[in-house]
Protein backbone atom coordinates (compact mmCIF):
# COMPACT_ATOMS: atom_id res chain seq x y z
CA MET A 1 74.25 75.09 58.78
CA ASN A 2 71.16 75.67 56.62
CA LYS A 3 69.95 73.42 53.81
CA THR A 4 71.27 75.74 51.09
CA ASN A 5 74.82 75.62 52.47
CA LEU A 6 74.65 71.85 52.94
CA PHE A 7 73.56 71.47 49.34
CA PHE A 8 76.35 73.70 48.09
CA LEU A 9 79.03 71.81 50.06
CA PHE A 10 77.65 68.59 48.59
CA PHE A 11 77.93 70.21 45.14
CA ILE A 12 81.60 71.04 45.78
CA VAL A 13 82.39 67.43 46.70
CA LEU A 14 80.67 66.18 43.53
CA PHE A 15 82.42 68.87 41.45
CA HIS A 16 85.90 67.79 42.56
CA ALA A 17 85.05 64.12 42.15
CA SER A 18 83.88 64.70 38.58
CA CYS A 19 87.02 66.71 37.76
CA SER A 20 89.46 64.05 38.94
CA LEU A 21 89.12 61.90 35.83
CA ASN A 22 89.76 64.81 33.47
CA HIS A 23 92.41 66.74 35.37
CA GLN A 24 96.17 66.45 35.44
CA LYS A 25 97.87 68.00 38.47
CA ALA A 26 101.40 68.91 37.53
CA THR A 27 103.16 65.61 38.23
CA THR A 28 103.10 63.36 35.16
CA THR A 29 102.77 63.85 31.43
CA ASN A 30 99.18 63.46 30.26
CA GLU A 31 97.74 63.15 26.78
CA TYR A 32 94.28 63.91 25.39
CA LYS A 33 92.78 62.88 22.07
CA HIS A 34 90.45 65.78 21.29
CA ALA A 35 91.06 69.01 23.27
CA ALA A 36 93.01 70.39 26.21
CA VAL A 37 93.16 73.42 28.47
CA ILE A 38 95.76 74.35 31.08
CA THR A 39 95.25 77.18 33.59
CA ALA A 40 96.57 78.31 36.95
CA HIS A 41 93.53 77.02 38.86
CA PRO A 42 91.73 73.64 38.70
CA ILE A 43 88.26 75.21 38.70
CA ALA A 44 89.13 77.52 35.79
CA SER A 45 90.50 74.53 33.87
CA GLN A 46 87.22 72.68 34.46
CA VAL A 47 85.23 75.69 33.22
CA GLY A 48 87.29 75.72 30.01
CA LEU A 49 86.88 71.98 29.54
CA ASP A 50 83.10 72.22 30.01
CA ILE A 51 82.89 74.85 27.25
CA LEU A 52 85.00 72.71 24.90
CA LYS A 53 82.79 69.67 25.57
CA LYS A 54 79.68 71.75 24.81
CA GLY A 55 81.05 72.43 21.34
CA GLY A 56 82.70 75.75 22.05
CA ASN A 57 85.92 76.58 20.24
CA ALA A 58 89.26 77.60 21.75
CA VAL A 59 88.29 81.29 21.89
CA ASP A 60 84.96 80.49 23.58
CA ALA A 61 86.87 78.50 26.19
CA ALA A 62 89.45 81.27 26.56
CA ILE A 63 86.72 83.83 27.31
CA ALA A 64 85.02 81.56 29.84
CA VAL A 65 88.36 80.85 31.51
CA LYS A 66 89.21 84.55 31.62
CA PHE A 67 86.06 85.42 33.55
CA ALA A 68 86.37 82.33 35.77
CA LEU A 69 89.93 83.30 36.71
CA ALA A 70 88.66 86.75 37.68
CA VAL A 71 86.69 84.94 40.39
CA VAL A 72 88.85 82.02 41.49
CA TYR A 73 92.33 83.53 41.00
CA PRO A 74 92.06 87.14 42.20
CA ASN A 75 95.80 87.68 42.58
CA ALA A 76 96.19 87.67 38.79
CA GLY A 77 92.96 86.67 37.03
CA ASN A 78 91.05 89.88 36.66
CA LEU A 79 88.47 92.29 35.34
CA GLY A 80 90.65 95.22 36.38
CA GLY A 81 93.71 94.37 34.29
CA GLY A 82 94.59 93.46 30.73
CA GLY A 83 96.69 91.17 28.58
CA PHE A 84 97.50 89.68 25.21
CA MET A 85 96.16 86.80 23.14
CA VAL A 86 97.81 84.91 20.28
CA TYR A 87 95.48 82.82 18.11
CA ARG A 88 96.03 80.20 15.42
CA SER A 89 93.10 78.67 13.56
CA LYS A 90 92.93 75.06 12.43
CA THR A 91 93.81 76.28 8.91
CA GLY A 92 96.86 78.26 10.02
CA GLU A 93 95.35 81.75 10.21
CA VAL A 94 97.13 83.73 12.94
CA ALA A 95 96.13 86.84 14.89
CA SER A 96 97.12 88.68 18.05
CA LEU A 97 94.90 90.76 20.30
CA ASP A 98 96.22 93.61 22.45
CA PHE A 99 94.01 94.38 25.44
CA ARG A 100 96.84 95.88 27.49
CA GLU A 101 95.93 98.59 30.01
CA LYS A 102 96.50 102.26 29.11
CA ALA A 103 97.65 105.31 31.03
CA PRO A 104 94.73 107.56 32.07
CA GLY A 105 94.23 110.86 30.25
CA LYS A 106 95.56 112.83 33.23
CA ALA A 107 98.83 110.86 33.38
CA PHE A 108 102.11 112.69 32.71
CA LYS A 109 105.79 111.83 32.41
CA ASP A 110 106.98 112.90 35.86
CA MET A 111 103.90 111.93 37.86
CA TYR A 112 105.86 109.54 40.09
CA LEU A 113 108.78 111.88 40.85
CA ASP A 114 109.20 114.19 43.83
CA ASP A 115 110.23 117.86 43.57
CA GLU A 116 113.89 116.83 43.31
CA GLY A 117 113.25 114.30 40.55
CA ASN A 118 113.55 111.21 42.75
CA PRO A 119 111.17 108.28 42.06
CA LEU A 120 108.26 107.85 44.47
CA THR A 121 108.12 104.12 43.77
CA GLU A 122 105.32 103.36 46.24
CA LEU A 123 102.90 105.49 44.21
CA SER A 124 103.32 103.40 41.04
CA VAL A 125 103.05 100.10 42.89
CA TYR A 126 100.27 100.40 45.51
CA GLY A 127 97.09 102.41 45.71
CA HIS A 128 94.81 104.21 43.30
CA LEU A 129 97.43 106.18 41.34
CA ALA A 130 99.13 102.92 40.30
CA ALA A 131 96.17 101.76 38.18
CA GLY A 132 95.96 101.95 34.40
CA VAL A 133 92.69 101.83 32.45
CA PRO A 134 91.61 98.15 32.38
CA GLY A 135 91.39 96.30 29.06
CA ALA A 136 90.26 92.80 30.02
CA VAL A 137 86.52 93.08 29.33
CA ALA A 138 87.00 94.97 26.05
CA GLY A 139 89.53 92.34 24.96
CA MET A 140 87.18 89.45 25.62
CA GLU A 141 84.33 91.11 23.75
CA GLU A 142 86.62 91.83 20.81
CA ALA A 143 87.78 88.19 20.72
CA PHE A 144 84.16 87.03 20.92
CA LYS A 145 83.03 89.25 18.03
CA LYS A 146 85.69 87.83 15.74
CA TYR A 147 85.85 84.16 16.75
CA GLY A 148 83.13 83.30 19.30
CA SER A 149 80.59 80.60 18.48
CA LEU A 150 78.50 80.10 21.63
CA LYS A 151 76.34 82.72 23.35
CA TRP A 152 78.21 85.47 25.21
CA LYS A 153 76.15 85.13 28.37
CA ASP A 154 76.75 81.36 28.47
CA LEU A 155 80.49 81.98 28.55
CA ILE A 156 80.20 84.24 31.61
CA GLN A 157 77.57 82.25 33.53
CA PRO A 158 80.10 79.83 35.12
CA ALA A 159 81.98 82.82 36.58
CA ILE A 160 78.72 84.35 37.85
CA ASP A 161 77.83 81.11 39.62
CA LEU A 162 81.29 80.81 41.17
CA ALA A 163 81.19 84.41 42.45
CA ARG A 164 77.69 84.16 43.92
CA LYS A 165 77.92 80.67 45.42
CA GLY A 166 81.59 80.83 46.25
CA PHE A 167 84.31 78.25 45.74
CA PRO A 168 86.77 76.42 48.04
CA ILE A 169 90.13 78.19 48.10
CA THR A 170 93.37 76.22 47.86
CA ALA A 171 96.04 76.06 50.58
CA SER A 172 98.30 78.46 48.67
CA GLN A 173 95.42 80.93 48.25
CA ALA A 174 94.69 80.78 51.98
CA ARG A 175 98.32 81.70 52.72
CA GLU A 176 98.17 84.61 50.27
CA PHE A 177 94.85 85.91 51.58
CA ASN A 178 96.25 85.95 55.12
CA TYR A 179 99.54 87.54 54.04
CA TYR A 180 97.81 90.46 52.29
CA GLN A 181 95.23 91.23 55.00
CA GLU A 182 96.98 94.28 56.46
CA ARG A 183 97.74 95.83 53.08
CA PHE A 184 94.15 95.37 51.95
CA LYS A 185 92.85 96.95 55.16
CA LYS A 186 95.20 99.91 54.71
CA ILE A 187 94.20 100.63 51.10
CA ASN A 188 90.51 99.69 51.32
CA PRO A 189 88.87 101.43 54.31
CA ASN A 190 85.42 100.43 53.00
CA GLY A 191 86.42 96.80 53.07
CA ALA A 192 87.06 94.10 50.48
CA ALA A 193 85.73 90.58 50.03
CA ILE A 194 89.10 89.13 50.98
CA ILE A 195 89.19 90.90 54.39
CA ARG A 196 87.93 89.03 57.43
CA GLU A 197 88.84 88.69 61.09
CA GLN A 198 89.57 84.96 61.25
CA ALA A 199 92.45 83.48 59.27
CA TRP A 200 91.68 81.87 55.92
CA LYS A 201 92.39 78.14 55.61
CA ASP A 202 92.47 75.52 52.89
CA GLY A 203 88.94 74.71 51.69
CA ASP A 204 87.23 77.84 53.04
CA VAL A 205 84.47 79.00 50.68
CA PHE A 206 85.14 82.43 49.16
CA VAL A 207 81.95 84.28 48.13
CA GLN A 208 82.04 87.53 46.07
CA GLN A 209 78.52 88.90 45.68
CA GLN A 210 79.55 92.33 44.34
CA LEU A 211 81.73 90.70 41.68
CA GLY A 212 78.82 88.43 40.77
CA GLU A 213 76.60 91.45 40.11
CA THR A 214 79.33 93.07 37.98
CA LEU A 215 79.61 89.89 35.93
CA VAL A 216 75.82 89.86 35.43
CA ARG A 217 76.01 93.40 33.99
CA ILE A 218 78.80 92.30 31.62
CA ALA A 219 76.81 89.20 30.58
CA GLN A 220 73.76 91.34 29.80
CA GLU A 221 75.42 94.41 28.27
CA GLY A 222 78.85 93.32 27.02
CA ARG A 223 81.60 95.90 27.38
CA ASP A 224 78.99 98.55 28.20
CA GLY A 225 78.32 96.65 31.41
CA PHE A 226 81.85 97.55 32.48
CA TYR A 227 82.94 100.77 30.72
CA LYS A 228 79.58 102.52 31.17
CA GLY A 229 76.79 102.66 33.74
CA LYS A 230 76.97 101.36 37.27
CA THR A 231 80.34 99.58 37.03
CA ALA A 232 82.02 102.63 35.53
CA ASP A 233 80.48 104.78 38.26
CA TYR A 234 81.93 102.46 40.90
CA ILE A 235 85.41 102.65 39.33
CA VAL A 236 85.40 106.46 39.13
CA ALA A 237 84.04 106.77 42.67
CA GLU A 238 86.87 104.53 43.87
CA MET A 239 89.37 106.72 42.03
CA LYS A 240 88.03 109.85 43.74
CA ARG A 241 88.14 108.12 47.11
CA GLY A 242 91.86 107.35 46.75
CA ASN A 243 93.09 110.29 44.60
CA GLY A 244 93.32 108.15 41.46
CA ILE A 245 92.96 109.62 37.98
CA ILE A 246 90.93 107.16 35.84
CA SER A 247 87.87 109.01 34.52
CA HIS A 248 84.60 108.09 32.83
CA GLN A 249 86.09 109.33 29.56
CA ASP A 250 89.12 107.07 29.95
CA LEU A 251 86.80 104.09 30.29
CA LEU A 252 84.65 105.10 27.32
CA ASP A 253 87.72 105.63 25.13
CA TYR A 254 89.38 102.28 25.81
CA GLN A 255 89.66 99.95 22.81
CA ALA A 256 91.31 96.54 22.38
CA ILE A 257 93.40 96.33 19.20
CA TRP A 258 94.14 93.52 16.75
CA ARG A 259 97.82 93.64 15.82
CA LYS A 260 100.04 91.74 13.39
CA PRO A 261 101.80 88.95 15.32
CA ILE A 262 105.55 88.52 15.44
CA VAL A 263 106.21 85.62 13.07
CA GLY A 264 109.67 84.19 12.45
CA ASN A 265 111.63 80.99 12.13
CA TYR A 266 113.84 78.97 14.43
CA LYS A 267 115.39 76.24 12.30
CA ASN A 268 112.41 74.46 10.69
CA TYR A 269 109.91 75.75 13.24
CA LYS A 270 107.65 78.79 12.86
CA ILE A 271 107.34 80.97 15.96
CA ILE A 272 104.16 83.07 16.40
CA SER A 273 104.16 85.50 19.31
CA MET A 274 102.98 88.87 20.60
CA PRO A 275 104.15 92.17 19.06
CA PRO A 276 104.65 95.52 20.87
CA PRO A 277 103.53 96.90 23.25
CA SER A 278 104.60 93.50 24.47
CA SER A 279 108.34 93.05 24.26
CA GLY A 280 107.79 89.28 24.45
CA GLY A 281 107.60 88.29 20.80
CA VAL A 282 110.44 90.55 19.68
CA ALA A 283 112.71 89.43 22.51
CA LEU A 284 111.84 85.74 22.16
CA MET A 285 112.54 85.84 18.43
CA GLY A 286 115.85 87.60 19.09
CA LEU A 287 116.86 85.02 21.69
CA LEU A 288 116.05 82.04 19.48
CA GLN A 289 117.89 83.57 16.52
CA SER A 290 120.88 84.36 18.74
CA VAL A 291 121.40 80.73 19.81
CA GLU A 292 120.25 79.06 16.58
CA LYS A 293 123.77 78.38 15.27
CA TYR A 294 125.03 76.85 18.51
CA PRO A 295 124.92 73.02 18.88
CA LEU A 296 122.67 73.15 21.95
CA ALA A 297 121.27 69.63 21.48
CA LYS A 298 124.80 68.23 21.26
CA TRP A 299 125.97 70.19 24.29
CA GLY A 300 122.91 69.18 26.34
CA PHE A 301 120.39 70.68 28.75
CA GLN A 302 122.00 73.26 31.08
CA HIS A 303 125.49 72.14 30.02
CA ASP A 304 128.18 74.72 30.74
CA SER A 305 128.37 75.95 27.12
CA THR A 306 124.57 75.89 26.73
CA VAL A 307 124.08 78.15 29.75
CA ARG A 308 126.79 80.57 28.59
CA ALA A 309 125.32 80.92 25.11
CA MET A 310 121.82 81.50 26.47
CA VAL A 311 122.95 84.03 29.11
CA GLU A 312 125.03 86.04 26.63
CA ALA A 313 122.05 86.16 24.25
CA GLU A 314 119.82 87.33 27.10
CA ARG A 315 122.22 90.15 28.05
CA ARG A 316 122.07 91.61 24.57
CA ILE A 317 118.35 91.15 23.95
CA TYR A 318 117.36 92.73 27.28
CA ALA A 319 119.70 95.68 26.62
CA ASP A 320 117.83 96.29 23.37
CA ARG A 321 114.51 95.87 25.16
CA ALA A 322 115.35 98.62 27.63
CA THR A 323 116.03 101.12 24.85
CA HIS A 324 113.88 100.26 21.86
CA LEU A 325 110.64 98.67 23.05
CA GLY A 326 107.43 100.57 23.84
CA ASP A 327 103.90 101.29 22.59
CA PRO A 328 104.09 101.33 18.76
CA ASP A 329 101.24 103.87 18.65
CA PHE A 330 103.56 106.35 20.38
CA TYR A 331 107.08 105.24 19.45
CA LYS A 332 108.66 103.87 16.28
CA VAL A 333 109.77 100.42 17.46
CA PRO A 334 112.48 98.86 15.20
CA VAL A 335 110.79 95.47 15.06
CA GLU A 336 112.29 94.40 11.71
CA HIS A 337 115.83 95.13 12.91
CA LEU A 338 115.39 93.46 16.29
CA THR A 339 113.92 90.28 14.76
CA ASP A 340 116.47 89.99 11.95
CA ALA A 341 118.40 86.72 12.24
CA THR A 342 121.49 88.09 10.51
CA PHE A 343 121.68 91.00 12.96
CA ASN A 344 121.19 88.86 16.07
CA GLN A 345 123.63 86.17 14.97
CA ALA A 346 126.25 88.77 14.02
CA ARG A 347 126.13 90.18 17.54
CA MET A 348 126.63 86.72 19.02
CA SER A 349 129.59 86.01 16.70
CA LYS A 350 131.62 88.44 18.81
CA VAL A 351 130.85 86.60 22.05
CA ASN A 352 133.63 84.74 23.85
CA LEU A 353 131.98 81.89 25.74
CA ALA A 354 135.15 81.35 27.76
CA LYS A 355 134.53 84.53 29.75
CA ALA A 356 131.48 86.45 30.96
CA THR A 357 130.71 89.71 29.19
CA ALA A 358 130.29 92.61 31.62
CA SER A 359 126.75 93.98 31.28
CA ASP A 360 128.14 97.53 31.49
CA ASP A 361 130.07 96.81 28.28
CA ILE A 362 126.88 95.95 26.41
CA LYS A 363 124.88 98.78 24.91
CA ALA A 364 121.64 98.66 23.00
CA ALA A 365 122.05 98.40 19.25
CA LYS A 366 121.69 101.61 17.23
CA PHE A 367 119.49 101.76 14.17
CA PRO A 368 119.14 104.63 11.67
CA GLY A 369 116.13 106.82 12.42
CA TYR A 370 115.46 105.56 15.98
CA GLU A 371 115.93 107.33 19.33
CA SER A 372 117.23 106.36 22.32
CA GLU A 373 105.82 89.15 38.50
CA GLN A 374 101.79 88.79 39.02
CA THR A 375 100.36 87.45 35.83
CA THR A 376 98.62 84.28 34.71
CA HIS A 377 98.73 82.34 31.47
CA TYR A 378 96.57 79.66 29.89
CA SER A 379 96.90 77.50 26.78
CA ILE A 380 93.96 75.92 24.92
CA VAL A 381 93.54 73.66 21.89
CA ASP A 382 90.04 72.63 20.76
CA LYS A 383 88.95 69.48 18.92
CA ALA A 384 89.17 71.21 15.53
CA GLY A 385 92.78 72.27 16.15
CA ASN A 386 92.23 75.97 16.87
CA ALA A 387 94.69 77.23 19.48
CA VAL A 388 94.80 80.12 21.95
CA SER A 389 97.78 81.28 23.99
CA LEU A 390 96.65 84.01 26.38
CA THR A 391 98.51 85.87 29.13
CA THR A 392 96.66 88.26 31.42
CA THR A 393 97.78 90.36 34.36
CA ILE A 394 97.21 93.00 36.99
CA ASN A 395 101.03 93.21 37.30
CA GLY A 396 102.03 92.62 40.92
CA SER A 397 100.26 89.97 42.98
CA TYR A 398 96.79 91.43 43.72
CA GLY A 399 97.76 94.45 41.59
CA SER A 400 97.43 97.82 43.30
CA CYS A 401 95.51 96.10 46.14
CA VAL A 402 92.64 98.52 45.37
CA TRP A 403 89.31 96.69 45.61
CA VAL A 404 86.62 98.64 43.71
CA ASP A 405 83.89 99.14 46.30
CA GLY A 406 80.51 98.13 44.92
CA ALA A 407 81.97 96.30 41.91
CA GLY A 408 84.01 93.70 43.81
CA PHE A 409 87.20 93.42 41.73
CA LEU A 410 90.84 94.48 42.02
CA LEU A 411 92.56 97.16 39.96
CA ASN A 412 95.98 96.68 38.40
CA ASN A 413 99.25 98.44 39.21
CA GLU A 414 100.43 98.48 35.60
CA MET A 415 101.61 102.09 35.74
CA ASP A 416 104.79 100.69 37.31
CA ASP A 417 105.54 99.01 33.97
CA PHE A 418 106.27 102.42 32.48
CA SER A 419 109.74 103.88 32.87
CA VAL A 420 108.99 106.09 35.85
CA LYS A 421 112.43 107.63 35.31
CA PRO A 422 115.03 106.57 32.69
CA GLY A 423 117.61 104.32 34.34
CA THR A 424 115.44 103.56 37.37
CA PRO A 425 114.36 99.90 37.57
CA ASN A 426 110.71 98.93 38.03
CA MET A 427 109.45 96.37 40.56
CA TYR A 428 110.97 93.57 38.45
CA GLY A 429 114.35 95.28 38.12
CA LEU A 430 113.79 96.13 34.45
CA LEU A 431 115.22 99.32 33.02
CA GLY A 432 113.60 101.52 30.39
CA GLY A 433 113.87 104.86 28.66
CA LYS A 434 112.05 107.30 26.41
CA ALA A 435 110.30 104.57 24.39
CA ASN A 436 108.41 103.53 27.53
CA ALA A 437 107.95 106.88 29.30
CA VAL A 438 104.56 107.71 30.84
CA GLU A 439 102.19 109.47 28.40
CA PRO A 440 98.39 109.85 28.51
CA GLY A 441 96.59 107.12 26.57
CA LYS A 442 99.77 105.11 26.11
CA ARG A 443 100.08 101.36 26.74
CA MET A 444 102.89 100.38 29.07
CA LEU A 445 105.57 97.95 27.87
CA SER A 446 105.08 94.31 28.86
CA ALA A 447 107.14 91.12 28.97
CA MET A 448 104.14 88.85 28.36
CA THR A 449 104.97 86.25 25.72
CA PRO A 450 101.98 84.11 24.68
CA THR A 451 103.40 81.95 21.91
CA ILE A 452 102.39 79.30 19.38
CA VAL A 453 104.87 77.10 17.48
CA GLU A 454 104.36 75.33 14.14
CA GLU A 455 106.33 72.48 12.60
CA ASN A 456 106.01 71.84 8.86
CA GLY A 457 102.79 73.87 8.73
CA LYS A 458 101.16 71.99 11.61
CA LEU A 459 100.47 73.08 15.19
CA LYS A 460 103.35 72.03 17.47
CA MET A 461 103.19 73.96 20.78
CA VAL A 462 101.00 76.42 22.69
CA VAL A 463 103.00 77.98 25.50
CA GLY A 464 103.25 80.92 27.90
CA THR A 465 103.82 81.90 31.51
CA PRO A 466 103.51 84.63 34.15
CA GLY A 467 106.63 85.92 35.90
CA GLY A 468 107.31 89.60 35.19
CA SER A 469 110.73 90.07 33.64
CA THR A 470 111.34 86.29 33.66
CA ILE A 471 108.44 85.56 31.29
CA ILE A 472 110.52 85.86 28.13
CA THR A 473 113.37 83.65 29.31
CA SER A 474 110.98 81.05 30.76
CA VAL A 475 109.20 80.69 27.41
CA PHE A 476 112.59 80.67 25.65
CA GLN A 477 113.83 77.79 27.83
CA THR A 478 110.59 75.82 27.55
CA ILE A 479 110.66 75.97 23.75
CA LEU A 480 114.29 74.81 23.70
CA ASN A 481 113.47 72.06 26.20
CA VAL A 482 111.02 70.57 23.69
CA LEU A 483 112.70 71.39 20.37
CA GLU A 484 116.35 70.82 21.33
CA PHE A 485 116.33 68.57 24.38
CA ASN A 486 113.37 66.31 23.42
CA MET A 487 111.47 66.81 26.68
CA THR A 488 107.80 65.97 27.08
CA ALA A 489 105.36 68.82 27.71
CA GLN A 490 105.41 68.15 31.46
CA GLU A 491 109.20 67.75 31.61
CA SER A 492 109.62 71.01 29.70
CA VAL A 493 107.72 73.05 32.32
CA SER A 494 108.92 71.15 35.37
CA ALA A 495 112.61 71.55 34.49
CA ALA A 496 114.51 74.01 36.70
CA ARG A 497 115.02 77.46 35.18
CA PHE A 498 117.49 80.33 35.20
CA HIS A 499 117.22 83.95 34.06
CA HIS A 500 119.38 86.90 33.02
CA GLN A 501 118.07 90.34 32.03
CA TRP A 502 121.23 92.39 31.31
CA LYS A 503 120.97 94.32 34.55
CA PRO A 504 121.35 93.41 37.39
CA GLU A 505 124.55 91.62 36.41
CA TYR A 506 123.81 88.19 37.88
CA ILE A 507 122.14 85.01 36.67
CA ASP A 508 119.01 84.21 38.71
CA VAL A 509 118.80 80.46 39.38
CA GLU A 510 116.16 78.25 40.92
CA ALA A 511 117.37 75.80 43.57
CA ASN A 512 117.84 72.88 41.17
CA ALA A 513 118.93 74.85 38.11
CA ILE A 514 122.52 74.53 36.79
CA ASP A 515 124.46 71.82 38.64
CA GLU A 516 127.20 72.71 41.13
CA LYS A 517 130.07 71.79 38.82
CA THR A 518 128.72 74.09 36.11
CA ARG A 519 128.07 76.86 38.64
CA GLU A 520 131.71 76.66 39.78
CA SER A 521 132.89 76.89 36.18
CA LEU A 522 130.68 79.92 35.52
CA LEU A 523 131.83 81.69 38.68
CA LYS A 524 135.48 81.08 37.76
CA ASP A 525 134.95 82.81 34.41
CA GLY A 526 133.29 85.94 35.79
CA TYR A 527 129.60 85.02 35.85
CA LYS A 528 127.63 85.98 38.94
CA ILE A 529 124.91 83.74 40.35
CA ASN A 530 121.93 84.72 42.50
CA LYS A 531 119.90 81.94 44.14
CA ARG A 532 116.19 82.70 44.21
CA GLY A 533 112.76 81.08 44.50
CA SER A 534 110.63 79.72 41.69
CA ILE A 535 110.70 81.30 38.24
CA GLY A 536 107.49 81.40 36.20
CA ARG A 537 104.53 79.02 35.99
CA VAL A 538 104.56 77.75 32.42
CA GLU A 539 101.58 76.10 30.70
CA ASN A 540 102.57 74.07 27.64
CA ILE A 541 100.58 71.94 25.18
CA VAL A 542 102.65 69.90 22.73
CA ILE A 543 100.94 68.29 19.75
CA LEU A 544 102.42 64.88 19.02
CA PRO A 545 102.91 63.41 15.52
CA ASN A 546 99.83 61.22 16.06
CA GLY A 547 97.73 64.33 16.80
CA ARG A 548 97.33 63.71 20.53
CA LEU A 549 97.67 66.66 22.89
CA GLN A 550 100.41 66.32 25.48
CA THR A 551 100.02 68.70 28.43
CA GLY A 552 102.43 70.25 30.90
CA ALA A 553 101.01 72.16 33.88
CA ASP A 554 103.58 73.84 36.10
CA HIS A 555 104.13 72.19 39.48
CA ARG A 556 105.15 75.55 40.98
CA GLY A 557 101.48 76.43 41.63
CA ASP A 558 97.96 74.97 41.58
CA ASP A 559 98.18 74.78 37.78
CA THR A 560 96.03 72.05 36.27
CA ALA A 561 95.51 70.53 32.84
CA ALA A 562 92.13 69.21 31.72
CA GLY A 563 91.03 67.57 28.49
CA TYR A 564 89.21 64.76 26.80
């Protein structure tokens, strides 16, 4: 081993030693006085903390974390994807940023159907045709222009260093890298940084020189370092190599958009979340309004009646989602109707909690004038009280598995989030219709639900999660865990979860969710239960009455909280 490598290994040991005093692995509740950041990877959390300690604000830290995750968390952190950000300033100003991917200009409604009209699902999930136009870099530049305070290049430099020098992968990453080897080899004949002959193991150093050079171009040129020039040439060349359809013009045309957040009330709390093309804010608001009149706190956490009320609300909200939610630039989404408390509570007044409602008996609501799981989240609060809730994705784990040769990053498979064919479920089992049909330049519907909660005009929670179709219900449960069941931040994300999405008919349950007695009662009354693995990886910051920041990092992954 040469001197350079010895020095770098020594640096890694020192790095982890220095992090240990500031980091909370997802086991116990931790509190910080000044600022906190929670991400899916300990190194990304440290990057965010370093920016906060240098005087950067929550948006500065969010940008640095975004680029760091593109290096250390390639299954979901990304340059080749997109996402949504919800922001609340220390004075209560709120904003939401849409940097969701878009369909390429050559996309068309039936592009994933065969000659007989049958879905060719593999095409929208794996390979070059599955990729939408990435929005991540444009989104970060847009956030920086409006709220950034440090220098742009200083926010990207930590990611550049991590890509060039490498970083030690975790045990779970080693398992994933090994699992995906054959698929990567099949899709990427020119190779990818993740491909190697010997098996990956915990602690192996992962170096990504091509990605480092791409990050340097972005640091020097901003969005032009991605959507123009050498990086754009690499993306288009990769498209041609695999019969994809993203063009230079698609890249030039991409713009991130500031949108008006979904803002509503649950009891005496204000909920601030993401508007369409995310379904998250609309659906979350509908769910909270639907259960608001039920005595959930009196009934108790995952009590029989509590579960029934939540599941019946979820059936109805997801039925509406399938019909009415899509890109508002292409489809008139009835947001005001769907987030109206009177409407949602009136629907629930007809529910009989003594018996399961058949999902086939539930139809989407009709309004006058309207026609018919890999992501990552992070939450940040800075010392001034500014807050960011940001969810970003390339859709499935490792996206389309297309590694852009020369540029060193993965492309998304977000085209599968469109309704490939009305009535045909996507990879998460979600149904959709005309509102979410494939159209050129259109943003595909999302379930991402970055959310901020206020109490009496003060910051209360910063929360979000990955998880595909389960994102909305995971955020829903986490908010209720804190507001109704008085859980700490860590308890709220560690608690076992369940999920219902209208169709399929059953309730998905984690191993420890809903006790056996309650399950038997539900089964007796017509509910169906499906046992499954972990649901979501929630990151939650709760602000206590004394102003301290209580953090909850999900134990289901390598998620880590850091603060000071």
